[in-house]
Structures are given as C-alpha cells and as structure tokens.
Amino acid sequence: MISPNRNEVQRWFRDNGDNTHILNHDLNDKSVVIDLGAYTGVWGKIIIDKFNCNLYLLEPIDEFVQVLKNKFKNYGDKVNIFNGAISNNNEDKEFFINGDATSSNIKVGEKIVHQGRTFNDILNTFNIVSKVDLLQMNIEGDEYSILEEMIESGSINKVKILQVQFHNGIENDIERRNNIQNKLIEIGYIKKYDYPFVWEAWEKLK
C-alpha cells in the first residue's frame, strides 16, 4: 500500500489524535462498541476503561485472539471476543498476515482462510439487536468493500458513529472513498473529523 499523506499524518499527531479524536465520543456504560480488526486490543482497552461500555472485538488471527482473551479476562460479559473476519459476503476469504497487519488486499505473508461474515452476520453472532453506538474499522483496505456492502444492504443505518481508517493503494481508492462519503451524507451522517487516509469519523443524526 501507498503510505498515507505525510501532511495528514503530521497533522494527526500534532492534534494528538490518538488521545483525542478516536476517544472523544458520547458513550456510557450501556453503549455498544464494536472494533473490527481489534488486533491486540490497545484501543479497545482504553475505550472500555474510559466509558465502561459493552465492547465487541472481532479479530481473525488466532494469536491475537489469545492476547485479547488474556487482556480482557477480568472484564466479564462487558467484553465479547470473536475469532472471525468481516467481509462483504459469506464466502471463504483468504487473508495474509504481514507483521501487525492482516489483509486480503496485500498478498504477502502467511495465508489463512476464514469464512467471511457480513456486518449483519457479525451483529447476529454477537447477539446485538440494538443500535451500535460506535463502530471502529481498521481493516487494511477491506473497509471499501465492507462499507459499500453495508450501505447497499442498509445495515450501516444501525451504526450511530463510524470511525474508519481508509487505506490508500487500493484500486480506485480516492473515488471509492469519495463515493462512500457522499452516500453517508445522503443517509444522514455528518463528519465529526477528517484526516484523509489517516482517520475519520461520521455520526448519524437522523
């Protein structure tokens, strides 16, 4: 993948985004938060310690799932962990482990296969029937197809706040990001913050 815009990365760190933007949400102990691509749960632990929210973690790599289980073993039913992969369909999907990243787009590293699950399937797996107060998505380029499917199926409307890291170097990345943003606006989302191809967040007001 192409490196993100250096100016935007610098602006993100200048604004202390890791300790401000990605944590500054209106949540409480009843809020439902989903982290797709939870990795080792760094963000998840900060967010649950801050808000005591109900945290749902999705991670396809066995090694990282075990880390998550160890990290959150004392949180009881406030934390639910699922070893799986989100997709835009329910077919088997190849993923490649490359360092701390797992992607179906960068075909470098150890290959694993998971049955893909759509966002609606993930909600059913976690038995989530209410709205999702915050969905974080950092999934190494798969965010395009996932969000396109969620918008087409309407499942995006179950999400109040979407926090996503778009990755460049994906085919038609700029055009697809623009199209997704325009669709989000059409269905009632407004932008909370935007550091292109670093982090951005959208909130549904209607």
Foldseek 3Di string as FASTA:
>chain_A
DDDPDPVLVVVCVVVVVVPPVVQPDPAALAAAEEEAQCQLPPVVVVNCVVHVYQYEYEHQDPVSQVSNCVVCVPSPRSYHYDNAHAALDQAKAKWADDPSAIASVDPDHDIDIGGHDAPVRVCVVVVPDAAHAEYEDDHPARVLSNLVSCLVVVVCVSYFKYKYQHAPPDVVRVVSVVVSVVSCVVQAWDWPDDSHNGMTMIGHDD
